[in-house]
Amino acid sequence: KTEQKMGKKETITTDYLVIGAGAMGLAFADEIINMSAGTGNDDTEIVIVDRRAKPGGHWNDAYDFVRLHQPSYSYGVSSMILGTGGKDLCSKSQLLAYFELALQKMLDTGRLRFLAQCDYQGGGRVKSMLDADLEYEVIASKKTVDATYLNTNVPSTNPPKYTSAPEISLVPINELARIRRSWDKFVIIGAGKTGIDAILYLLEMNVTPDRIIWIMPNDSWLLEKDGHLLRLDNTTWPTKFKCATVSNAEFEKLKQIKNIVRQGRVSEVQTDKIIFEAGTSYTTSVDNLHVDCSADGLVTKPPCPIFQGKNIILQSVHMCQQVYSASIIAALDLRCEDNDEKKNAILKPVPHPEYIGDWAQTLLDSLTNEKRNVKDGSGFYWLRNNRLGSLYHFQYTWIIKAMYGDFMKPMAPKLEQFCEEVRMNGRKML
């Protein structure tokens, strides 16, 4: 599009303005640029704005040994295979290289522009974070897309909510890869996927299990790669479920940890003890290294309509699949008539689960979204050809059965029964 430059203010005209170059923003852009041939959008242009210098969102800030928390076949952008394209869990370096290549391929089309290290200030106004005088006015003729609503938090950018004594060594998980001395014990504070990664890393580095203390505010159900739910202690009922994925081998390693402290959330770390919000305590020492893994990676946000006139608010429309959801939303915006009421009726937000009682409802809502999208939205053919979706990986015989039958019918009654039990017993299913 034509651009006008006046001093250090530049006006850019585009079709879509995408705020955020994380996985969701890139998946949305990829669907439009690389996966929508034949929809009349072969010349559609996009501007992406991000505060970071490189694409990849929170992966830029994550710890060095982080790995993907779901199989690579369902992550990334639809037009490019990630890793082996199978069940492998890619590393941080693999992910960042992948996102940089995905962005470059879109830049090479001439249809995308990336405004790095820039702050979106609303109303199409973008300011450079490096030059106080440099400003952009981006005029989006179609939509402005907020890809930051479900931003992921990591410990390195989110300090803990509890306090600690100055004498205590408390570090975010990122520092584990930079340790240059030995410690008596490693105290892992947090029971989510970050805490799991910290423990697995220490075990991989040959730290013996007896030197690891795991502060576990809540037990969680873990998702095995093939979809089975696992719990670390058969005598303890986990109340949390946030889609944390582990392999069977990783699960067996986690079971080696016997020093698990289940006293709720930490309030304060003193020189000789850890104080919990419930008023109880657990012994510690200044000779221990305390590793903060307590950041809530994906804070639950209240759902809102996805399509709002000239704005799109990217949210999950499929359980625990935010990136796939972004491509679903992009495809529907291109293929469905410009009717917000209809599009919002087809795709309803599916908030990230927090408790085990959320599992059935989020799965049921995901399947319902998919069924409506096949019937009234992007259609079965699109669903079958999107690499990020499960149907892409199913065998042809199963696809034929799904085409001529209701694939929700066998499981829907059981899911609805579970949802009824949740209404009676609460989301923690106690």
Foldseek 3Di string as FASTA:
>chain_A
DDKDDDPQEIEAEFAEEEEAQALLSLQLVCLQDPVDPPLPRVQHAYEYEYQAQAGHACLVVAAQFDWAQAAQLQGHHQVDRQDVNGRDTHGSVSRRVRSRVSVVVSVVVVRYHYHYSWDDDDPQKIAHPVDRPHIYRYHHPAAYEYPCPFHFDACVVDPDPAEEDPLAAEEALNCVVVDDDDFQAEEEAEDDLLSLSSQVVCVVVVDQLVRYAYEYQFWEWEAENVGDTDGLDPVDQTWWYQHRYDHPVSSVSVNNRDNYHHDHHWHYHYQFWTAHPVGDIDGDHSRYHYYYGHDPGGDWDDWDQQDDGRYGYQAAQAAPRSSVSSSLLSLQCSWPPPDSVLSSVLGGHQIGGTTQLSVLVSHLSSLSSVVSCQVHGNHDVSQCSRSNHPNVVDDPVVVVVVVVDPPCVVPVVVSVVSNVCCVVCPSSSD
